[in-house]
Amino acid sequence: MKFVLSYTLRAGGSVEERVTAGEAAQKLLANWAPSDTATIHQWLQRCDGNGGFAVVENDDQADLFRDLAVWAPWLDFEVVPVLDIADATPITQEALQKVRSVL
């Protein structure tokens, strides 16, 4: 299953605490890899520096949770399951036909 992850930096702390947290997150990132069940198709940084987005494929929700839990001290996540438009279009057409049949 594909997911779009949106993440933002957790608020709070002094400037020095945020810098220290940022350094710790960078150190973790240098040695971190997602679970073997995950494929990161895109990982994007927001240009305002307040977070980013990722398109991730993973069929094991426990592994997805495990990957995100590592980053929870620094980041707030929104995780949205998604479909490729080519897969969604026939489903949408089928749904519209069902709805049209009762109008």
PDB file of N, CA and C in Angstrom:
ATOM      1  N   MET A   1       0.838  -1.161   0.000  1.00  0.00           N
ATOM      2  CA  MET A   1       0.000   0.000   0.000  1.00  0.00           C
ATOM      3  C   MET A   1       0.892   1.235   0.000  1.00  0.00           C
ATOM      4  N   LYS A   2       0.463   2.249  -0.745  1.00  0.00           N
ATOM      5  CA  LYS A   2       1.217   3.508  -0.779  1.00  0.00           C
ATOM      6  C   LYS A   2       0.628   4.498   0.211  1.00  0.00           C
ATOM      7  N   PHE A   3       1.512   5.292   0.770  1.00  0.00           N
ATOM      8  CA  PHE A   3       1.128   6.340   1.707  1.00  0.00           C
ATOM      9  C   PHE A   3       1.852   7.622   1.334  1.00  0.00           C
ATOM     10  N   VAL A   4       1.172   8.750   1.547  1.00  0.00           N
ATOM     11  CA  VAL A   4       1.839  10.043   1.506  1.00  0.00           C
ATOM     12  C   VAL A   4       1.977  10.483   2.955  1.00  0.00           C
ATOM     13  N   LEU A   5       3.211  10.711   3.362  1.00  0.00           N
ATOM     14  CA  LEU A   5       3.495  11.184   4.708  1.00  0.00           C
ATOM     15  C   LEU A   5       3.773  12.672   4.651  1.00  0.00           C
ATOM     16  N   SER A   6       3.138  13.385   5.522  1.00  0.00           N
ATOM     17  CA  SER A   6       3.439  14.797   5.707  1.00  0.00           C
ATOM     18  C   SER A   6       3.970  14.919   7.125  1.00  0.00           C
ATOM     19  N   TYR A   7       5.072  15.609   7.274  1.00  0.00           N
ATOM     20  CA  TYR A   7       5.599  15.768   8.623  1.00  0.00           C
ATOM     21  C   TYR A   7       6.031  17.201   8.862  1.00  0.00           C
ATOM     22  N   THR A   8       5.872  17.620  10.101  1.00  0.00           N
ATOM     23  CA  THR A   8       6.304  18.948  10.538  1.00  0.00           C
ATOM     24  C   THR A   8       7.136  18.785  11.801  1.00  0.00           C
ATOM     25  N   LEU A   9       7.957  19.780  12.059  1.00  0.00           N
ATOM     26  CA  LEU A   9       8.794  19.751  13.255  1.00  0.00           C
ATOM     27  C   LEU A   9       7.929  19.941  14.495  1.00  0.00           C
ATOM     28  N   ARG A  10       8.228  19.195  15.543  1.00  0.00           N
ATOM     29  CA  ARG A  10       7.520  19.377  16.809  1.00  0.00           C
ATOM     30  C   ARG A  10       7.889  20.750  17.380  1.00  0.00           C
ATOM     31  N   ALA A  11       6.903  21.432  17.890  1.00  0.00           N
ATOM     32  CA  ALA A  11       7.098  22.770  18.447  1.00  0.00           C
ATOM     33  C   ALA A  11       7.652  22.677  19.868  1.00  0.00           C
ATOM     34  N   GLY A  12       8.245  23.761  20.297  1.00  0.00           N
ATOM     35  CA  GLY A  12       8.663  23.873  21.688  1.00  0.00           C
ATOM     36  C   GLY A  12      10.162  23.873  21.851  1.00  0.00           C
ATOM     37  N   GLY A  13      10.575  24.248  23.048  1.00  0.00           N
ATOM     38  CA  GLY A  13      11.989  24.267  23.381  1.00  0.00           C
ATOM     39  C   GLY A  13      12.631  25.603  23.067  1.00  0.00           C
ATOM     40  N   SER A  14      13.744  25.829  23.704  1.00  0.00           N
ATOM     41  CA  SER A  14      14.527  27.033  23.451  1.00  0.00           C
ATOM     42  C   SER A  14      15.259  26.880  22.126  1.00  0.00           C
ATOM     43  N   VAL A  15      15.865  27.959  21.665  1.00  0.00           N
ATOM     44  CA  VAL A  15      16.654  27.886  20.438  1.00  0.00           C
ATOM     45  C   VAL A  15      17.766  26.860  20.615  1.00  0.00           C
ATOM     46  N   GLU A  16      18.454  26.892  21.738  1.00  0.00           N
ATOM     47  CA  GLU A  16      19.545  25.941  21.959  1.00  0.00           C
ATOM     48  C   GLU A  16      19.025  24.501  21.977  1.00  0.00           C
ATOM     49  N   GLU A  17      17.870  24.265  22.614  1.00  0.00           N
ATOM     50  CA  GLU A  17      17.294  22.916  22.639  1.00  0.00           C
ATOM     51  C   GLU A  17      16.912  22.458  21.234  1.00  0.00           C
ATOM     52  N   ARG A  18      16.378  23.363  20.421  1.00  0.00           N
ATOM     53  CA  ARG A  18      16.003  23.000  19.049  1.00  0.00           C
ATOM     54  C   ARG A  18      17.232  22.690  18.198  1.00  0.00           C
ATOM     55  N   VAL A  19      18.310  23.461  18.400  1.00  0.00           N
ATOM     56  CA  VAL A  19      19.551  23.193  17.663  1.00  0.00           C
ATOM     57  C   VAL A  19      20.115  21.832  18.078  1.00  0.00           C
ATOM     58  N   THR A  20      20.126  21.556  19.359  1.00  0.00           N
ATOM     59  CA  THR A  20      20.619  20.261  19.850  1.00  0.00           C
ATOM     60  C   THR A  20      19.765  19.124  19.300  1.00  0.00           C
ATOM     61  N   ALA A  21      18.460  19.311  19.297  1.00  0.00           N
ATOM     62  CA  ALA A  21      17.551  18.292  18.748  1.00  0.00           C
ATOM     63  C   ALA A  21      17.807  18.096  17.257  1.00  0.00           C
ATOM     64  N   GLY A  22      18.027  19.192  16.538  1.00  0.00           N
ATOM     65  CA  GLY A  22      18.316  19.101  15.111  1.00  0.00           C
ATOM     66  C   GLY A  22      19.605  18.354  14.837  1.00  0.00           C
ATOM     67  N   GLU A  23      20.607  18.594  15.652  1.00  0.00           N
ATOM     68  CA  GLU A  23      21.879  17.872  15.500  1.00  0.00           C
ATOM     69  C   GLU A  23      21.696  16.379  15.765  1.00  0.00           C
ATOM     70  N   ALA A  24      20.901  16.055  16.784  1.00  0.00           N
ATOM     71  CA  ALA A  24      20.648  14.645  17.096  1.00  0.00           C
ATOM     72  C   ALA A  24      19.893  13.969  15.954  1.00  0.00           C
ATOM     73  N   ALA A  25      18.913  14.672  15.381  1.00  0.00           N
ATOM     74  CA  ALA A  25      18.150  14.108  14.262  1.00  0.00           C
ATOM     75  C   ALA A  25      19.049  13.894  13.047  1.00  0.00           C
ATOM     76  N   GLN A  26      19.946  14.816  12.768  1.00  0.00           N
ATOM     77  CA  GLN A  26      20.873  14.653  11.645  1.00  0.00           C
ATOM     78  C   GLN A  26      21.807  13.466  11.869  1.00  0.00           C
ATOM     79  N   LYS A  27      22.253  13.279  13.112  1.00  0.00           N
ATOM     80  CA  LYS A  27      23.107  12.138  13.441  1.00  0.00           C
ATOM     81  C   LYS A  27      22.345  10.831  13.228  1.00  0.00           C
ATOM     82  N   LEU A  28      21.083  10.788  13.669  1.00  0.00           N
ATOM     83  CA  LEU A  28      20.260   9.602  13.459  1.00  0.00           C
ATOM     84  C   LEU A  28      20.058   9.338  11.969  1.00  0.00           C
ATOM     85  N   LEU A  29      19.758  10.380  11.209  1.00  0.00           N
ATOM     86  CA  LEU A  29      19.502  10.234   9.779  1.00  0.00           C
ATOM     87  C   LEU A  29      20.707   9.636   9.054  1.00  0.00           C
ATOM     88  N   ALA A  30      21.899  10.010   9.471  1.00  0.00           N
ATOM     89  CA  ALA A  30      23.113   9.508   8.812  1.00  0.00           C
ATOM     90  C   ALA A  30      23.260   7.992   8.957  1.00  0.00           C
ATOM     91  N   ASN A  31      22.649   7.422   9.971  1.00  0.00           N
ATOM     92  CA  ASN A  31      22.785   5.983  10.236  1.00  0.00           C
ATOM     93  C   ASN A  31      21.465   5.228  10.131  1.00  0.00           C
ATOM     94  N   TRP A  32      20.407   5.868   9.680  1.00  0.00           N
ATOM     95  CA  TRP A  32      19.072   5.272   9.669  1.00  0.00           C
ATOM     96  C   TRP A  32      18.713   4.754   8.281  1.00  0.00           C
ATOM     97  N   ALA A  33      17.990   3.663   8.256  1.00  0.00           N
ATOM     98  CA  ALA A  33      17.405   3.140   7.019  1.00  0.00           C
ATOM     99  C   ALA A  33      16.004   2.655   7.355  1.00  0.00           C
ATOM    100  N   PRO A  34      15.068   2.779   6.424  1.00  0.00           N
ATOM    101  CA  PRO A  34      13.722   2.285   6.701  1.00  0.00           C
ATOM    102  C   PRO A  34      13.722   0.756   6.787  1.00  0.00           C
ATOM    103  N   SER A  35      12.636   0.220   7.301  1.00  0.00           N
ATOM    104  CA  SER A  35      12.500  -1.235   7.394  1.00  0.00           C
ATOM    105  C   SER A  35      12.625  -1.861   6.009  1.00  0.00           C
ATOM    106  N   ASP A  36      12.944  -3.127   5.987  1.00  0.00           N
ATOM    107  CA  ASP A  36      13.105  -3.849   4.717  1.00  0.00           C
ATOM    108  C   ASP A  36      11.808  -3.910   3.914  1.00  0.00           C
ATOM    109  N   THR A  37      10.673  -3.771   4.575  1.00  0.00           N
ATOM    110  CA  THR A  37       9.383  -3.849   3.881  1.00  0.00           C
ATOM    111  C   THR A  37       8.981  -2.522   3.249  1.00  0.00           C
ATOM    112  N   ALA A  38       9.728  -1.476   3.511  1.00  0.00           N
ATOM    113  CA  ALA A  38       9.374  -0.134   3.022  1.00  0.00           C
ATOM    114  C   ALA A  38      10.174   0.235   1.783  1.00  0.00           C
ATOM    115  N   THR A  39       9.498   0.905   0.858  1.00  0.00           N
ATOM    116  CA  THR A  39      10.144   1.522  -0.286  1.00  0.00           C
ATOM    117  C   THR A  39       9.790   3.000  -0.251  1.00  0.00           C
ATOM    118  N   ILE A  40      10.794   3.853  -0.181  1.00  0.00           N
ATOM    119  CA  ILE A  40      10.563   5.299  -0.223  1.00  0.00           C
ATOM    120  C   ILE A  40      10.719   5.726  -1.672  1.00  0.00           C
ATOM    121  N   HIS A  41       9.604   6.131  -2.280  1.00  0.00           N
ATOM    122  CA  HIS A  41       9.625   6.554  -3.680  1.00  0.00           C
ATOM    123  C   HIS A  41      10.113   7.994  -3.815  1.00  0.00           C
ATOM    124  N   GLN A  42       9.707   8.833  -2.885  1.00  0.00           N
ATOM    125  CA  GLN A  42      10.181  10.227  -2.860  1.00  0.00           C
ATOM    126  C   GLN A  42      10.250  10.669  -1.414  1.00  0.00           C
ATOM    127  N   TRP A  43      11.238  11.511  -1.128  1.00  0.00           N
ATOM    128  CA  TRP A  43      11.366  12.109   0.202  1.00  0.00           C
ATOM    129  C   TRP A  43      11.741  13.555  -0.050  1.00  0.00           C
ATOM    130  N   LEU A  44      10.858  14.456   0.319  1.00  0.00           N
ATOM    131  CA  LEU A  44      10.994  15.863  -0.040  1.00  0.00           C
ATOM    132  C   LEU A  44      11.046  16.745   1.202  1.00  0.00           C
ATOM    133  N   GLN A  45      11.902  17.734   1.151  1.00  0.00           N
ATOM    134  CA  GLN A  45      12.025  18.717   2.227  1.00  0.00           C
ATOM    135  C   GLN A  45      11.253  19.974   1.850  1.00  0.00           C
ATOM    136  N   ARG A  46      10.461  20.498   2.773  1.00  0.00           N
ATOM    137  CA  ARG A  46       9.807  21.789   2.543  1.00  0.00           C
ATOM    138  C   ARG A  46      10.875  22.879   2.520  1.00  0.00           C
ATOM    139  N   CYS A  47      10.741  23.815   1.615  1.00  0.00           N
ATOM    140  CA  CYS A  47      11.740  24.875   1.488  1.00  0.00           C
ATOM    141  C   CYS A  47      11.714  25.855   2.652  1.00  0.00           C
ATOM    142  N   ASP A  48      10.630  25.861   3.437  1.00  0.00           N
ATOM    143  CA  ASP A  48      10.601  26.729   4.614  1.00  0.00           C
ATOM    144  C   ASP A  48      11.297  26.079   5.815  1.00  0.00           C
ATOM    145  N   GLY A  49      11.769  24.835   5.646  1.00  0.00           N
ATOM    146  CA  GLY A  49      12.516  24.162   6.695  1.00  0.00           C
ATOM    147  C   GLY A  49      11.676  23.573   7.810  1.00  0.00           C
ATOM    148  N   ASN A  50      10.352  23.588   7.669  1.00  0.00           N
ATOM    149  CA  ASN A  50       9.481  23.150   8.758  1.00  0.00           C
ATOM    150  C   ASN A  50       8.948  21.730   8.610  1.00  0.00           C
ATOM    151  N   GLY A  51       9.547  20.929   7.741  1.00  0.00           N
ATOM    152  CA  GLY A  51       9.071  19.557   7.587  1.00  0.00           C
ATOM    153  C   GLY A  51       9.269  19.077   6.179  1.00  0.00           C
ATOM    154  N   GLY A  52       8.396  18.147   5.778  1.00  0.00           N
ATOM    155  CA  GLY A  52       8.512  17.607   4.441  1.00  0.00           C
ATOM    156  C   GLY A  52       7.440  16.592   4.138  1.00  0.00           C
ATOM    157  N   PHE A  53       7.669  15.855   3.065  1.00  0.00           N
ATOM    158  CA  PHE A  53       6.713  14.879   2.557  1.00  0.00           C
ATOM    159  C   PHE A  53       7.481  13.661   2.075  1.00  0.00           C
ATOM    160  N   ALA A  54       6.812  12.524   2.100  1.00  0.00           N
ATOM    161  CA  ALA A  54       7.402  11.310   1.535  1.00  0.00           C
ATOM    162  C   ALA A  54       6.289  10.471   0.933  1.00  0.00           C
ATOM    163  N   VAL A  55       6.619   9.795  -0.147  1.00  0.00           N
ATOM    164  CA  VAL A  55       5.732   8.789  -0.720  1.00  0.00           C
ATOM    165  C   VAL A  55       6.391   7.452  -0.411  1.00  0.00           C
ATOM    166  N   VAL A  56       5.682   6.650   0.381  1.00  0.00           N
ATOM    167  CA  VAL A  56       6.237   5.399   0.902  1.00  0.00           C
ATOM    168  C   VAL A  56       5.303   4.256   0.551  1.00  0.00           C
ATOM    169  N   GLU A  57       5.882   3.133   0.204  1.00  0.00           N
ATOM    170  CA  GLU A  57       5.099   1.926  -0.034  1.00  0.00           C
ATOM    171  C   GLU A  57       5.499   0.910   1.026  1.00  0.00           C
ATOM    172  N   ASN A  58       4.469   0.347   1.691  1.00  0.00           N
ATOM    173  CA  ASN A  58       4.722  -0.633   2.740  1.00  0.00           C
ATOM    174  C   ASN A  58       3.433  -1.396   3.017  1.00  0.00           C
ATOM    175  N   ASP A  59       3.494  -2.718   2.989  1.00  0.00           N
ATOM    176  CA  ASP A  59       2.320  -3.538   3.261  1.00  0.00           C
ATOM    177  C   ASP A  59       2.277  -4.042   4.704  1.00  0.00           C
ATOM    178  N   ASP A  60       3.205  -3.623   5.516  1.00  0.00           N
ATOM    179  CA  ASP A  60       3.248  -4.048   6.918  1.00  0.00           C
ATOM    180  C   ASP A  60       3.097  -2.817   7.809  1.00  0.00           C
ATOM    181  N   GLN A  61       1.890  -2.646   8.360  1.00  0.00           N
ATOM    182  CA  GLN A  61       1.652  -1.428   9.142  1.00  0.00           C
ATOM    183  C   GLN A  61       2.503  -1.377  10.403  1.00  0.00           C
ATOM    184  N   ALA A  62       2.887  -2.516  10.959  1.00  0.00           N
ATOM    185  CA  ALA A  62       3.766  -2.504  12.133  1.00  0.00           C
ATOM    186  C   ALA A  62       5.141  -1.934  11.777  1.00  0.00           C
ATOM    187  N   ASP A  63       5.648  -2.304  10.609  1.00  0.00           N
ATOM    188  CA  ASP A  63       6.931  -1.743  10.177  1.00  0.00           C
ATOM    189  C   ASP A  63       6.822  -0.257   9.883  1.00  0.00           C
ATOM    190  N   LEU A  64       5.712   0.158   9.290  1.00  0.00           N
ATOM    191  CA  LEU A  64       5.505   1.592   9.052  1.00  0.00           C
ATOM    192  C   LEU A  64       5.499   2.338  10.381  1.00  0.00           C
ATOM    193  N   PHE A  65       4.764   1.820  11.341  1.00  0.00           N
ATOM    194  CA  PHE A  65       4.733   2.439  12.671  1.00  0.00           C
ATOM    195  C   PHE A  65       6.128   2.467  13.287  1.00  0.00           C
ATOM    196  N   ARG A  66       6.859   1.365  13.163  1.00  0.00           N
ATOM    197  CA  ARG A  66       8.217   1.281  13.713  1.00  0.00           C
ATOM    198  C   ARG A  66       9.124   2.354  13.096  1.00  0.00           C
ATOM    199  N   ASP A  67       9.028   2.522  11.785  1.00  0.00           N
ATOM    200  CA  ASP A  67       9.849   3.532  11.106  1.00  0.00           C
ATOM    201  C   ASP A  67       9.504   4.940  11.579  1.00  0.00           C
ATOM    202  N   LEU A  68       8.215   5.220  11.715  1.00  0.00           N
ATOM    203  CA  LEU A  68       7.800   6.565  12.124  1.00  0.00           C
ATOM    204  C   LEU A  68       8.057   6.823  13.603  1.00  0.00           C
ATOM    205  N   ALA A  69       7.935   5.791  14.434  1.00  0.00           N
ATOM    206  CA  ALA A  69       8.145   5.959  15.877  1.00  0.00           C
ATOM    207  C   ALA A  69       9.560   6.434  16.194  1.00  0.00           C
ATOM    208  N   VAL A  70      10.524   6.027  15.377  1.00  0.00           N
ATOM    209  CA  VAL A  70      11.909   6.464  15.582  1.00  0.00           C
ATOM    210  C   VAL A  70      12.010   7.986  15.506  1.00  0.00           C
ATOM    211  N   TRP A  71      11.188   8.589  14.641  1.00  0.00           N
ATOM    212  CA  TRP A  71      11.267  10.034  14.400  1.00  0.00           C
ATOM    213  C   TRP A  71      10.283  10.842  15.237  1.00  0.00           C
ATOM    214  N   ALA A  72       9.449  10.168  16.028  1.00  0.00           N
ATOM    215  CA  ALA A  72       8.413  10.851  16.804  1.00  0.00           C
ATOM    216  C   ALA A  72       8.939  11.908  17.780  1.00  0.00           C
ATOM    217  N   PRO A  73      10.129  11.772  18.347  1.00  0.00           N
ATOM    218  CA  PRO A  73      10.599  12.847  19.234  1.00  0.00           C
ATOM    219  C   PRO A  73      10.798  14.192  18.515  1.00  0.00           C
ATOM    220  N   TRP A  74      11.000  14.157  17.190  1.00  0.00           N
ATOM    221  CA  TRP A  74      11.283  15.365  16.434  1.00  0.00           C
ATOM    222  C   TRP A  74      10.134  15.824  15.545  1.00  0.00           C
ATOM    223  N   LEU A  75       9.300  14.862  15.100  1.00  0.00           N
ATOM    224  CA  LEU A  75       8.340  15.158  14.031  1.00  0.00           C
ATOM    225  C   LEU A  75       6.915  14.756  14.389  1.00  0.00           C
ATOM    226  N   ASP A  76       5.962  15.539  13.903  1.00  0.00           N
ATOM    227  CA  ASP A  76       4.542  15.181  13.917  1.00  0.00           C
ATOM    228  C   ASP A  76       4.191  14.700  12.523  1.00  0.00           C
ATOM    229  N   PHE A  77       3.471  13.589  12.427  1.00  0.00           N
ATOM    230  CA  PHE A  77       3.154  12.980  11.144  1.00  0.00           C
ATOM    231  C   PHE A  77       1.668  13.019  10.833  1.00  0.00           C
ATOM    232  N   GLU A  78       1.364  13.117   9.552  1.00  0.00           N
ATOM    233  CA  GLU A  78       0.050  12.803   9.014  1.00  0.00           C
ATOM    234  C   GLU A  78       0.311  11.753   7.936  1.00  0.00           C
ATOM    235  N   VAL A  79      -0.369  10.622   8.030  1.00  0.00           N
ATOM    236  CA  VAL A  79      -0.152   9.495   7.115  1.00  0.00           C
ATOM    237  C   VAL A  79      -1.458   9.248   6.366  1.00  0.00           C
ATOM    238  N   VAL A  80      -1.404   9.362   5.029  1.00  0.00           N
ATOM    239  CA  VAL A  80      -2.602   9.219   4.200  1.00  0.00           C
ATOM    240  C   VAL A  80      -2.379   8.089   3.200  1.00  0.00           C
ATOM    241  N   PRO A  81      -3.221   7.023   3.259  1.00  0.00           N
ATOM    242  CA  PRO A  81      -3.113   5.990   2.223  1.00  0.00           C
ATOM    243  C   PRO A  81      -3.585   6.552   0.886  1.00  0.00           C
ATOM    244  N   VAL A  82      -2.908   6.174  -0.191  1.00  0.00           N
ATOM    245  CA  VAL A  82      -3.232   6.713  -1.519  1.00  0.00           C
ATOM    246  C   VAL A  82      -3.201   5.602  -2.568  1.00  0.00           C
ATOM    247  N   LEU A  83      -3.840   5.894  -3.705  1.00  0.00           N
ATOM    248  CA  LEU A  83      -3.826   5.020  -4.879  1.00  0.00           C
ATOM    249  C   LEU A  83      -3.254   5.781  -6.058  1.00  0.00           C
ATOM    250  N   ASP A  84      -2.590   5.070  -6.936  1.00  0.00           N
ATOM    251  CA  ASP A  84      -2.194   5.688  -8.198  1.00  0.00           C
ATOM    252  C   ASP A  84      -3.463   6.061  -8.956  1.00  0.00           C
ATOM    253  N   ILE A  85      -3.441   7.173  -9.658  1.00  0.00           N
ATOM    254  CA  ILE A  85      -4.633   7.653 -10.355  1.00  0.00           C
ATOM    255  C   ILE A  85      -5.132   6.634 -11.376  1.00  0.00           C
ATOM    256  N   ALA A  86      -4.231   5.902 -12.002  1.00  0.00           N
ATOM    257  CA  ALA A  86      -4.631   4.881 -12.978  1.00  0.00           C
ATOM    258  C   ALA A  86      -5.430   3.759 -12.311  1.00  0.00           C
ATOM    259  N   ASP A  87      -5.145   3.472 -11.059  1.00  0.00           N
ATOM    260  CA  ASP A  87      -5.907   2.467 -10.314  1.00  0.00           C
ATOM    261  C   ASP A  87      -7.201   3.051  -9.748  1.00  0.00           C
ATOM    262  N   ALA A  88      -7.178   4.320  -9.393  1.00  0.00           N
ATOM    263  CA  ALA A  88      -8.351   4.954  -8.793  1.00  0.00           C
ATOM    264  C   ALA A  88      -9.438   5.282  -9.811  1.00  0.00           C
ATOM    265  N   THR A  89      -9.063   5.619 -11.039  1.00  0.00           N
ATOM    266  CA  THR A  89     -10.037   6.057 -12.040  1.00  0.00           C
ATOM    267  C   THR A  89     -11.105   5.014 -12.326  1.00  0.00           C
ATOM    268  N   PRO A  90     -10.786   3.742 -12.584  1.00  0.00           N
ATOM    269  CA  PRO A  90     -11.853   2.776 -12.828  1.00  0.00           C
ATOM    270  C   PRO A  90     -12.760   2.571 -11.610  1.00  0.00           C
ATOM    271  N   ILE A  91     -12.206   2.670 -10.429  1.00  0.00           N
ATOM    272  CA  ILE A  91     -13.017   2.544  -9.217  1.00  0.00           C
ATOM    273  C   ILE A  91     -13.977   3.720  -9.105  1.00  0.00           C
ATOM    274  N   THR A  92     -13.489   4.910  -9.406  1.00  0.00           N
ATOM    275  CA  THR A  92     -14.342   6.097  -9.394  1.00  0.00           C
ATOM    276  C   THR A  92     -15.451   5.965 -10.424  1.00  0.00           C
ATOM    277  N   GLN A  93     -15.108   5.487 -11.610  1.00  0.00           N
ATOM    278  CA  GLN A  93     -16.117   5.315 -12.656  1.00  0.00           C
ATOM    279  C   GLN A  93     -17.176   4.305 -12.225  1.00  0.00           C
ATOM    280  N   GLU A  94     -16.769   3.208 -11.612  1.00  0.00           N
ATOM    281  CA  GLU A  94     -17.715   2.205 -11.119  1.00  0.00           C
ATOM    282  C   GLU A  94     -18.635   2.809 -10.055  1.00  0.00           C
ATOM    283  N   ALA A  95     -18.066   3.568  -9.145  1.00  0.00           N
ATOM    284  CA  ALA A  95     -18.870   4.201  -8.093  1.00  0.00           C
ATOM    285  C   ALA A  95     -19.871   5.182  -8.691  1.00  0.00           C
ATOM    286  N   LEU A  96     -19.438   5.971  -9.681  1.00  0.00           N
ATOM    287  CA  LEU A  96     -20.350   6.922 -10.319  1.00  0.00           C
ATOM    288  C   LEU A  96     -21.492   6.194 -11.027  1.00  0.00           C
ATOM    289  N   GLN A  97     -21.199   5.077 -11.654  1.00  0.00           N
ATOM    290  CA  GLN A  97     -22.255   4.291 -12.317  1.00  0.00           C
ATOM    291  C   GLN A  97     -23.263   3.778 -11.295  1.00  0.00           C
ATOM    292  N   LYS A  98     -22.815   3.320 -10.155  1.00  0.00           N
ATOM    293  CA  LYS A  98     -23.721   2.852  -9.106  1.00  0.00           C
ATOM    294  C   LYS A  98     -24.587   3.987  -8.582  1.00  0.00           C
ATOM    295  N   VAL A  99     -23.977   5.131  -8.359  1.00  0.00           N
ATOM    296  CA  VAL A  99     -24.732   6.288  -7.884  1.00  0.00           C
ATOM    297  C   VAL A  99     -25.720   6.744  -8.949  1.00  0.00           C
ATOM    298  N   ARG A 100     -25.276   6.796 -10.188  1.00  0.00           N
ATOM    299  CA  ARG A 100     -26.143   7.238 -11.298  1.00  0.00           C
ATOM    300  C   ARG A 100     -27.368   6.317 -11.399  1.00  0.00           C
ATOM    301  N   SER A 101     -27.209   5.023 -11.106  1.00  0.00           N
ATOM    302  CA  SER A 101     -28.325   4.075 -11.242  1.00  0.00           C
ATOM    303  C   SER A 101     -29.437   4.329 -10.242  1.00  0.00           C
ATOM    304  N   VAL A 102     -29.167   5.069  -9.186  1.00  0.00           N
ATOM    305  CA  VAL A 102     -30.225   5.356  -8.198  1.00  0.00           C
ATOM    306  C   VAL A 102     -30.742   6.779  -8.295  1.00  0.00           C
ATOM    307  N   LEU A 103     -30.230   7.539  -9.215  1.00  0.00           N
ATOM    308  CA  LEU A 103     -30.710   8.941  -9.367  1.00  0.00           C
ATOM    309  C   LEU A 103     -31.902   9.006 -10.290  1.00  0.00           C
TER     310      LEU A 103
END
